[in-house]
N, C-alpha and C. Protein backbone atom coordinates (compact mmCIF):
# COMPACT_ATOMS: atom_id res chain seq x y z
N MET A 1 -15.57 7.12 -27.58
CA MET A 1 -15.21 6.92 -26.25
C MET A 1 -14.02 6.56 -25.83
N ASN A 2 -13.39 6.81 -24.51
CA ASN A 2 -12.85 6.87 -23.77
C ASN A 2 -13.26 5.62 -22.63
N LEU A 3 -13.15 4.43 -22.47
CA LEU A 3 -13.27 3.77 -21.27
C LEU A 3 -12.48 4.35 -20.00
N LYS A 4 -11.12 5.10 -20.20
CA LYS A 4 -10.13 5.35 -18.59
C LYS A 4 -10.73 6.55 -18.12
N ASP A 5 -11.60 7.49 -19.84
CA ASP A 5 -12.46 8.54 -18.79
C ASP A 5 -13.88 8.33 -18.41
N ALA A 6 -13.86 7.22 -19.04
CA ALA A 6 -15.59 6.48 -18.77
C ALA A 6 -15.28 6.48 -17.08
N PHE A 7 -14.08 5.94 -16.49
CA PHE A 7 -14.43 5.34 -15.55
C PHE A 7 -13.66 6.44 -14.19
N SER A 8 -12.82 7.19 -15.21
CA SER A 8 -12.23 8.39 -14.46
C SER A 8 -13.41 9.44 -13.51
N SER A 9 -14.06 9.24 -14.91
CA SER A 9 -15.10 9.96 -14.20
C SER A 9 -16.24 10.09 -13.23
N LEU A 10 -16.24 8.15 -12.58
CA LEU A 10 -17.01 7.64 -11.60
C LEU A 10 -16.30 8.42 -10.28
N GLY A 11 -17.99 8.92 -9.66
CA GLY A 11 -18.02 9.29 -8.19
C GLY A 11 -17.52 8.22 -6.89
N ASN A 12 -19.31 7.69 -6.97
CA ASN A 12 -19.40 6.32 -5.31
C ASN A 12 -18.79 5.40 -6.39
N TYR A 13 -18.86 4.70 -5.19
CA TYR A 13 -19.16 2.84 -5.40
C TYR A 13 -20.48 2.97 -5.61
N PHE A 14 -19.99 1.53 -6.40
CA PHE A 14 -21.85 0.96 -6.22
C PHE A 14 -22.72 1.91 -6.91
N SER A 15 -22.27 2.37 -8.31
CA SER A 15 -23.48 3.99 -9.11
C SER A 15 -23.02 3.03 -10.20
N PRO A 16 -23.31 2.90 -10.88
CA PRO A 16 -23.51 2.59 -12.49
C PRO A 16 -23.62 3.45 -13.38
N ARG A 17 -23.10 3.84 -14.48
CA ARG A 17 -23.24 5.36 -15.10
C ARG A 17 -23.20 4.05 -16.60
N ILE A 18 -24.47 4.83 -16.93
CA ILE A 18 -24.63 4.18 -18.63
C ILE A 18 -23.78 5.58 -19.53
N ILE A 19 -23.06 5.01 -20.45
CA ILE A 19 -21.92 5.23 -21.49
C ILE A 19 -22.63 5.24 -22.31
N GLY A 20 -23.48 4.20 -23.00
CA GLY A 20 -23.17 3.91 -24.33
C GLY A 20 -24.59 2.81 -24.46
N GLU A 21 -25.13 3.05 -26.02
CA GLU A 21 -26.02 2.01 -26.01
C GLU A 21 -25.47 1.54 -27.15
N VAL A 22 -26.31 -0.29 -27.55
CA VAL A 22 -26.36 -0.73 -28.86
C VAL A 22 -27.35 -1.39 -29.03
N ASN A 23 -28.48 -1.33 -29.85
CA ASN A 23 -29.41 -2.13 -29.66
C ASN A 23 -30.34 -1.57 -28.35
N ASP A 24 -30.30 -3.35 -27.97
CA ASP A 24 -31.70 -3.04 -26.62
C ASP A 24 -30.99 -3.36 -25.67
N GLN A 25 -29.18 -2.72 -25.27
CA GLN A 25 -28.28 -2.86 -24.91
C GLN A 25 -27.66 -1.38 -24.49
N TYR A 26 -27.15 -1.69 -23.03
CA TYR A 26 -26.68 -0.40 -22.77
C TYR A 26 -25.19 -0.74 -22.06
N PHE A 27 -24.38 -0.10 -22.02
CA PHE A 27 -22.83 -0.29 -21.86
C PHE A 27 -23.00 0.41 -21.11
N LYS A 28 -22.18 0.74 -19.45
CA LYS A 28 -22.28 0.35 -17.89
C LYS A 28 -21.52 0.36 -17.42
N VAL A 29 -20.22 1.10 -16.89
CA VAL A 29 -19.48 1.79 -15.57
C VAL A 29 -19.62 1.59 -15.05
N VAL A 30 -18.68 0.76 -13.85
CA VAL A 30 -19.34 0.84 -12.33
C VAL A 30 -17.84 1.09 -11.50
N LYS A 31 -17.73 1.45 -10.80
CA LYS A 31 -16.37 0.96 -9.37
C LYS A 31 -16.61 0.79 -8.36
N ILE A 32 -16.51 -0.39 -7.95
CA ILE A 32 -16.95 -0.99 -6.36
C ILE A 32 -15.73 -1.26 -5.59
N LYS A 33 -16.15 -1.35 -4.14
CA LYS A 33 -15.08 -1.82 -3.21
C LYS A 33 -15.60 -2.25 -2.00
N GLY A 34 -16.02 -3.13 -1.52
CA GLY A 34 -16.34 -3.55 -0.22
C GLY A 34 -17.34 -4.69 -0.61
N GLN A 35 -18.38 -4.70 -0.10
CA GLN A 35 -19.45 -6.03 -0.17
C GLN A 35 -20.92 -5.51 0.16
N GLU A 36 -20.93 -4.58 -0.69
CA GLU A 36 -22.48 -3.73 -0.75
C GLU A 36 -23.87 -4.14 -1.25
N VAL A 37 -22.93 -5.22 -2.41
CA VAL A 37 -23.87 -5.45 -3.49
C VAL A 37 -25.39 -6.96 -2.65
N PRO A 38 -26.26 -6.51 -3.11
CA PRO A 38 -26.97 -8.01 -1.76
C PRO A 38 -27.44 -9.05 -2.98
N TRP A 39 -27.28 -9.83 -2.73
CA TRP A 39 -27.70 -11.29 -3.44
C TRP A 39 -29.28 -11.23 -4.11
N HIS A 40 -28.88 -10.93 -5.84
CA HIS A 40 -30.37 -10.69 -6.47
C HIS A 40 -30.02 -11.56 -7.71
N ASN A 41 -31.29 -11.80 -8.72
CA ASN A 41 -30.91 -12.14 -9.30
C ASN A 41 -31.62 -11.35 -10.73
N HIS A 42 -31.18 -11.40 -12.28
CA HIS A 42 -32.18 -10.98 -13.00
C HIS A 42 -32.46 -11.48 -14.03
N GLU A 43 -34.47 -12.13 -13.51
CA GLU A 43 -35.19 -12.77 -14.07
C GLU A 43 -34.79 -13.04 -15.65
N ASN A 44 -34.89 -11.91 -16.56
CA ASN A 44 -34.78 -12.04 -17.90
C ASN A 44 -34.21 -11.50 -18.48
N GLU A 45 -32.50 -11.23 -18.27
CA GLU A 45 -31.52 -11.02 -18.84
C GLU A 45 -30.08 -11.24 -18.56
N ASP A 46 -29.56 -11.81 -18.97
CA ASP A 46 -27.92 -12.26 -18.67
C ASP A 46 -27.65 -11.43 -18.52
N GLU A 47 -26.01 -10.93 -17.97
CA GLU A 47 -25.36 -9.14 -17.65
C GLU A 47 -24.01 -10.53 -17.42
N LEU A 48 -23.17 -9.37 -18.45
CA LEU A 48 -21.79 -9.42 -18.53
C LEU A 48 -20.64 -8.19 -17.53
N PHE A 49 -20.11 -9.18 -17.40
CA PHE A 49 -18.99 -7.90 -16.94
C PHE A 49 -17.72 -8.47 -17.16
N TYR A 50 -16.89 -7.51 -17.28
CA TYR A 50 -15.47 -7.13 -17.80
C TYR A 50 -15.14 -6.37 -16.98
N ILE A 51 -13.09 -6.42 -16.32
CA ILE A 51 -13.10 -6.40 -15.64
C ILE A 51 -11.61 -5.48 -16.11
N ALA A 52 -11.98 -4.67 -16.23
CA ALA A 52 -11.73 -3.17 -16.94
C ALA A 52 -9.92 -2.99 -15.55
N LYS A 53 -9.93 -3.24 -14.62
CA LYS A 53 -8.98 -2.93 -13.14
C LYS A 53 -8.92 -3.44 -11.98
N GLY A 54 -8.66 -4.18 -11.63
CA GLY A 54 -8.94 -5.27 -9.65
C GLY A 54 -8.95 -6.49 -10.10
N THR A 55 -10.00 -6.83 -9.25
CA THR A 55 -9.61 -8.44 -8.77
C THR A 55 -11.68 -8.37 -8.65
N LEU A 56 -12.05 -9.06 -8.73
CA LEU A 56 -13.28 -8.93 -8.09
C LEU A 56 -13.87 -10.31 -8.00
N LEU A 57 -14.78 -10.41 -6.83
CA LEU A 57 -15.39 -12.10 -6.59
C LEU A 57 -16.63 -12.32 -7.01
N MET A 58 -16.99 -13.04 -7.43
CA MET A 58 -18.06 -13.64 -7.85
C MET A 58 -18.27 -14.75 -8.00
N GLU A 59 -19.81 -14.11 -6.56
CA GLU A 59 -20.40 -15.43 -6.37
C GLU A 59 -21.63 -16.00 -6.95
N ILE A 60 -22.87 -16.97 -7.21
CA ILE A 60 -23.28 -17.65 -7.23
C ILE A 60 -24.48 -18.18 -6.97
N GLU A 61 -24.68 -18.80 -6.52
CA GLU A 61 -25.56 -19.56 -5.29
C GLU A 61 -25.62 -20.94 -5.97
N ASN A 62 -24.93 -22.58 -5.25
CA ASN A 62 -24.99 -23.41 -5.74
C ASN A 62 -23.49 -23.33 -6.55
N GLN A 63 -23.02 -22.49 -6.51
CA GLN A 63 -21.55 -22.62 -7.68
C GLN A 63 -20.49 -22.64 -6.65
N PRO A 64 -19.49 -22.46 -7.87
CA PRO A 64 -17.90 -22.50 -6.16
C PRO A 64 -17.83 -21.06 -7.16
N ASP A 65 -17.12 -19.66 -6.17
CA ASP A 65 -16.60 -18.57 -6.19
C ASP A 65 -15.44 -18.67 -7.38
N LEU A 66 -15.87 -17.34 -8.12
CA LEU A 66 -14.97 -17.24 -8.76
C LEU A 66 -14.22 -16.00 -8.12
N ILE A 67 -13.03 -15.78 -8.71
CA ILE A 67 -11.99 -14.22 -8.67
C ILE A 67 -11.20 -14.36 -10.30
N LEU A 68 -12.23 -13.19 -10.43
CA LEU A 68 -12.13 -12.88 -11.63
C LEU A 68 -11.28 -11.25 -11.60
N LYS A 69 -10.33 -11.34 -12.88
CA LYS A 69 -9.37 -10.59 -12.48
C LYS A 69 -8.80 -9.47 -13.70
N LYS A 70 -8.45 -8.66 -13.89
CA LYS A 70 -8.74 -7.71 -15.03
C LYS A 70 -7.75 -8.42 -16.53
N GLY A 71 -9.06 -7.99 -17.38
CA GLY A 71 -9.30 -8.63 -18.82
C GLY A 71 -9.69 -9.52 -18.57
N ASP A 72 -10.37 -10.45 -17.70
CA ASP A 72 -11.65 -11.32 -17.64
C ASP A 72 -12.70 -10.78 -17.79
N LEU A 73 -13.55 -11.68 -18.58
CA LEU A 73 -15.16 -11.48 -19.24
C LEU A 73 -15.70 -12.93 -19.01
N PHE A 74 -17.09 -12.00 -18.10
CA PHE A 74 -17.90 -13.23 -17.75
C PHE A 74 -19.53 -12.58 -17.62
N VAL A 75 -20.57 -13.49 -18.13
CA VAL A 75 -21.68 -13.50 -17.93
C VAL A 75 -22.89 -14.88 -17.35
N VAL A 76 -23.38 -13.30 -16.46
CA VAL A 76 -23.88 -14.18 -15.76
C VAL A 76 -25.89 -14.40 -16.35
N ASN A 77 -25.90 -15.66 -16.50
CA ASN A 77 -26.87 -16.03 -17.06
C ASN A 77 -28.36 -15.51 -16.26
N LYS A 78 -29.43 -15.31 -16.80
CA LYS A 78 -30.74 -14.88 -16.42
C LYS A 78 -31.27 -15.99 -15.56
N GLY A 79 -32.02 -15.58 -14.08
CA GLY A 79 -32.37 -16.39 -13.26
C GLY A 79 -30.92 -16.57 -12.13
N LYS A 80 -30.01 -16.68 -11.96
CA LYS A 80 -29.21 -17.36 -11.44
C LYS A 80 -28.25 -16.11 -10.62
N LYS A 81 -28.67 -16.35 -9.22
CA LYS A 81 -29.12 -15.49 -8.29
C LYS A 81 -27.27 -15.32 -8.11
N HIS A 82 -27.09 -14.09 -7.98
CA HIS A 82 -25.11 -13.66 -7.75
C HIS A 82 -25.26 -12.58 -6.86
N ARG A 83 -23.70 -11.92 -6.50
CA ARG A 83 -23.25 -10.83 -6.18
C ARG A 83 -21.73 -10.62 -6.38
N VAL A 84 -21.99 -9.66 -5.92
CA VAL A 84 -20.24 -8.98 -6.28
C VAL A 84 -19.49 -8.46 -5.02
N SER A 85 -18.34 -8.53 -5.25
CA SER A 85 -17.48 -7.56 -4.50
C SER A 85 -16.30 -7.47 -4.94
N SER A 86 -15.11 -6.89 -3.65
CA SER A 86 -13.72 -6.69 -4.27
C SER A 86 -13.58 -6.32 -3.14
N LYS A 87 -11.77 -6.49 -2.38
CA LYS A 87 -11.41 -6.19 -1.18
C LYS A 87 -10.75 -4.59 -1.19
N LYS A 88 -10.50 -4.55 -2.79
CA LYS A 88 -9.32 -3.42 -3.17
C LYS A 88 -10.61 -2.84 -4.74
N GLU A 89 -10.18 -1.59 -4.83
CA GLU A 89 -11.45 -1.10 -6.04
C GLU A 89 -11.37 -1.41 -7.46
N CYS A 90 -12.18 -1.94 -7.36
CA CYS A 90 -12.20 -3.16 -8.89
C CYS A 90 -13.04 -1.59 -10.15
N LEU A 91 -13.18 -1.88 -10.86
CA LEU A 91 -13.68 -1.14 -11.71
C LEU A 91 -14.18 -2.23 -12.98
N ILE A 92 -15.71 -2.23 -13.73
CA ILE A 92 -15.92 -2.70 -14.42
C ILE A 92 -16.96 -2.07 -15.03
N MET A 93 -16.94 -3.38 -16.56
CA MET A 93 -18.31 -2.41 -17.16
C MET A 93 -18.82 -3.77 -17.54
N LEU A 94 -20.12 -3.47 -17.50
CA LEU A 94 -21.01 -4.15 -17.86
C LEU A 94 -21.96 -3.84 -18.67
N ILE A 95 -22.12 -4.54 -19.95
CA ILE A 95 -23.20 -5.20 -20.85
C ILE A 95 -24.54 -5.76 -20.27
N GLU A 96 -25.45 -4.77 -20.36
CA GLU A 96 -27.24 -5.15 -19.73
C GLU A 96 -28.56 -4.94 -20.61
N SER A 97 -29.14 -6.11 -20.71
CA SER A 97 -30.51 -4.93 -21.57
C SER A 97 -31.01 -4.20 -20.97
N LYS A 98 -31.60 -3.41 -21.34
CA LYS A 98 -31.90 -2.29 -21.06
C LYS A 98 -32.83 -1.97 -19.88
N THR A 99 -33.51 -3.24 -19.74
CA THR A 99 -34.79 -3.90 -19.25
C THR A 99 -33.99 -4.51 -17.02
N THR A 100 -32.98 -4.27 -17.54
CA THR A 100 -32.34 -5.14 -16.16
C THR A 100 -31.62 -3.90 -14.85
N GLU A 101 -32.25 -4.62 -13.87
CA GLU A 101 -32.96 -3.79 -12.81
C GLU A 101 -31.04 -3.74 -11.95
N HIS A 102 -31.00 -2.47 -11.75
CA HIS A 102 -29.19 -2.76 -11.23
C HIS A 102 -29.59 -3.79 -9.76
N THR A 103 -30.20 -4.15 -9.22
CA THR A 103 -29.88 -4.61 -8.13
C THR A 103 -31.24 -5.99 -8.08
N GLY A 104 -31.83 -5.93 -9.10
CA GLY A 104 -32.72 -7.10 -9.39
C GLY A 104 -33.97 -6.58 -8.97
N LYS A 105 -34.89 -7.59 -8.09
CA LYS A 105 -36.04 -6.72 -7.54
C LYS A 105 -35.75 -6.66 -5.99
N ILE A 106 -34.34 -6.65 -5.89
CA ILE A 106 -33.91 -6.17 -4.29
C ILE A 106 -34.05 -4.81 -4.13
N THR A 107 -34.41 -3.77 -3.35
CA THR A 107 -33.87 -2.89 -2.79
C THR A 107 -33.02 -2.65 -1.94
N SER A 108 -32.03 -1.99 -2.69
CA SER A 108 -30.62 -1.90 -1.10
C SER A 108 -30.26 -0.31 -1.26
N VAL A 109 -29.37 -0.09 0.31
CA VAL A 109 -28.64 1.28 -0.61
C VAL A 109 -28.03 1.77 -1.48
N ILE A 110 -27.96 0.79 -2.26
CA ILE A 110 -26.89 1.31 -3.33
C ILE A 110 -27.69 1.09 -4.44
N THR A 111 -28.82 0.63 -4.43
CA THR A 111 -29.95 0.54 -5.86
C THR A 111 -29.62 1.75 -6.77
N LYS A 112 -29.86 1.77 -8.39
CA LYS A 112 -29.99 2.82 -8.52
C LYS A 112 -31.29 2.56 -9.86
N THR A 113 -32.07 3.67 -10.09
CA THR A 113 -32.84 3.25 -10.93
C THR A 113 -32.51 3.93 -12.29
N ILE A 114 -32.97 3.21 -13.14
CA ILE A 114 -31.49 3.32 -14.52
C ILE A 114 -31.94 4.73 -15.25
N GLY A 115 -32.65 4.96 -14.36
CA GLY A 115 -32.47 6.67 -14.66
C GLY A 115 -31.89 7.89 -14.33
N ASP A 116 -31.58 6.95 -12.99
CA ASP A 116 -30.19 7.38 -11.84
C ASP A 116 -28.85 6.95 -12.71
N GLN A 117 -28.89 6.06 -13.78
CA GLN A 117 -27.54 5.96 -14.17
C GLN A 117 -26.95 6.29 -16.03
N PHE A 118 -27.72 7.41 -16.13
CA PHE A 118 -27.28 8.51 -17.09
C PHE A 118 -26.44 8.94 -16.28
N CYS A 119 -24.98 9.16 -17.10
CA CYS A 119 -24.22 10.54 -17.42
C CYS A 119 -25.00 11.45 -16.95
């Protein structure tokens, strides 16, 4: 698998695509631009972000904002309320448990089911 090819196959922003799996984890790619991701949490799952291109603003409730850049890796621990945004296009690889809901229990215009995230 080539990550560059996986990212180039993405159409819409905020629409993660499952590109592989290991044990109980999915590997996903997504591109974002803007502030569409709502505040949400994942009650039982950690979420790993790897920034492949661009800059990501990571906001976590009651913590200082983080700026993640290309090559950075960050884990949002389960239960932490968070949201992400980017002024310019940002390419992200996510590693998440297979049970992780895209926007937690929050439903928004960008929310995708697990089924909607398969290639």
